[in-house]
Amino acid sequence: ALALPVLVGFVALVAEYGQGLTARAENQRVADLAAYAGAVTYAATSSTDAMNATVARVASLNGVP
């Protein structure tokens, strides 16, 4: 009976850690996509304004403000 709260707490911490890892991986995926889209746009137009707009658009489409 004494070990049950400790076990439940440990399971909660593991679940929270796993959720943090998932969020970090998702954020990294969005950053990679935005960087690639910005690089492609810059290579095609040589415009930093178009590049920044593309990066912002890709990020916002993936839920990152």
C-alpha atoms as a PDB file:
ATOM      1  CA  ALA A   1       0.000   0.000   0.000  1.00  0.00           C
ATOM      2  CA  LEU A   2       2.895   2.360   0.706  1.00  0.00           C
ATOM      3  CA  ALA A   3       4.555   1.678  -2.626  1.00  0.00           C
ATOM      4  CA  LEU A   4       1.427   2.368  -4.698  1.00  0.00           C
ATOM      5  CA  PRO A   5       1.634   6.214  -4.558  1.00  0.00           C
ATOM      6  CA  VAL A   6       5.314   6.041  -5.441  1.00  0.00           C
ATOM      7  CA  LEU A   7       4.578   3.743  -8.373  1.00  0.00           C
ATOM      8  CA  VAL A   8       1.746   5.960  -9.634  1.00  0.00           C
ATOM      9  CA  GLY A   9       4.001   9.021  -9.370  1.00  0.00           C
ATOM     10  CA  PHE A  10       6.761   7.283 -11.283  1.00  0.00           C
ATOM     11  CA  VAL A  11       4.365   6.268 -14.059  1.00  0.00           C
ATOM     12  CA  ALA A  12       3.102   9.860 -14.284  1.00  0.00           C
ATOM     13  CA  LEU A  13       6.652  11.204 -14.593  1.00  0.00           C
ATOM     14  CA  VAL A  14       7.497   8.702 -17.323  1.00  0.00           C
ATOM     15  CA  ALA A  15       4.349   9.648 -19.246  1.00  0.00           C
ATOM     16  CA  GLU A  16       5.160  13.357 -18.929  1.00  0.00           C
ATOM     17  CA  TYR A  17       8.724  12.765 -20.127  1.00  0.00           C
ATOM     18  CA  GLY A  18       7.450  10.827 -23.135  1.00  0.00           C
ATOM     19  CA  GLN A  19       5.052  13.623 -24.007  1.00  0.00           C
ATOM     20  CA  GLY A  20       7.929  16.114 -23.811  1.00  0.00           C
ATOM     21  CA  LEU A  21      10.022  14.026 -26.181  1.00  0.00           C
ATOM     22  CA  THR A  22       7.136  13.823 -28.638  1.00  0.00           C
ATOM     23  CA  ALA A  23       6.608  17.595 -28.529  1.00  0.00           C
ATOM     24  CA  ARG A  24      10.301  18.225 -29.083  1.00  0.00           C
ATOM     25  CA  ALA A  25      10.381  15.906 -32.092  1.00  0.00           C
ATOM     26  CA  GLU A  26       7.305  17.591 -33.582  1.00  0.00           C
ATOM     27  CA  ASN A  27       8.810  21.061 -33.122  1.00  0.00           C
ATOM     28  CA  GLN A  28      12.052  19.909 -34.737  1.00  0.00           C
ATOM     29  CA  ARG A  29      10.123  18.477 -37.693  1.00  0.00           C
ATOM     30  CA  VAL A  30       8.335  21.798 -38.237  1.00  0.00           C
ATOM     31  CA  ALA A  31      11.613  23.726 -37.957  1.00  0.00           C
ATOM     32  CA  ASP A  32      13.254  21.443 -40.516  1.00  0.00           C
ATOM     33  CA  LEU A  33      10.340  21.823 -42.927  1.00  0.00           C
ATOM     34  CA  ALA A  34      10.333  25.606 -42.579  1.00  0.00           C
ATOM     35  CA  ALA A  35      14.098  25.838 -43.077  1.00  0.00           C
ATOM     36  CA  TYR A  36      13.979  23.659 -46.171  1.00  0.00           C
ATOM     37  CA  ALA A  37      11.080  25.627 -47.654  1.00  0.00           C
ATOM     38  CA  GLY A  38      12.911  28.883 -46.959  1.00  0.00           C
ATOM     39  CA  ALA A  39      16.079  27.590 -48.607  1.00  0.00           C
ATOM     40  CA  VAL A  40      14.198  26.456 -51.706  1.00  0.00           C
ATOM     41  CA  THR A  41      12.402  29.805 -51.955  1.00  0.00           C
ATOM     42  CA  TYR A  42      15.636  31.757 -51.517  1.00  0.00           C
ATOM     43  CA  ALA A  43      17.376  29.656 -54.171  1.00  0.00           C
ATOM     44  CA  ALA A  44      14.528  30.342 -56.609  1.00  0.00           C
ATOM     45  CA  THR A  45      14.028  34.053 -55.915  1.00  0.00           C
ATOM     46  CA  SER A  46      17.127  35.370 -54.077  1.00  0.00           C
ATOM     47  CA  SER A  47      14.689  37.410 -51.998  1.00  0.00           C
ATOM     48  CA  THR A  48      14.937  37.396 -48.222  1.00  0.00           C
ATOM     49  CA  ASP A  49      11.422  38.824 -47.956  1.00  0.00           C
ATOM     50  CA  ALA A  50       9.971  35.900 -49.919  1.00  0.00           C
ATOM     51  CA  MET A  51      12.093  33.475 -47.904  1.00  0.00           C
ATOM     52  CA  ASN A  52      10.866  34.877 -44.571  1.00  0.00           C
ATOM     53  CA  ALA A  53       7.257  34.835 -45.774  1.00  0.00           C
ATOM     54  CA  THR A  54       7.594  31.200 -46.842  1.00  0.00           C
ATOM     55  CA  VAL A  55       9.130  30.171 -43.521  1.00  0.00           C
ATOM     56  CA  ALA A  56       6.358  31.942 -41.598  1.00  0.00           C
ATOM     57  CA  ARG A  57       3.685  30.368 -43.815  1.00  0.00           C
ATOM     58  CA  VAL A  58       5.045  26.827 -43.408  1.00  0.00           C
ATOM     59  CA  ALA A  59       5.372  27.275 -39.650  1.00  0.00           C
ATOM     60  CA  SER A  60       1.838  28.638 -39.281  1.00  0.00           C
ATOM     61  CA  LEU A  61       0.394  25.841 -41.415  1.00  0.00           C
ATOM     62  CA  ASN A  62       1.959  23.378 -38.985  1.00  0.00           C
ATOM     63  CA  GLY A  63       0.602  25.096 -35.885  1.00  0.00           C
ATOM     64  CA  VAL A  64       3.640  27.133 -34.851  1.00  0.00           C
ATOM     65  CA  PRO A  65       3.024  30.893 -34.515  1.00  0.00           C
END
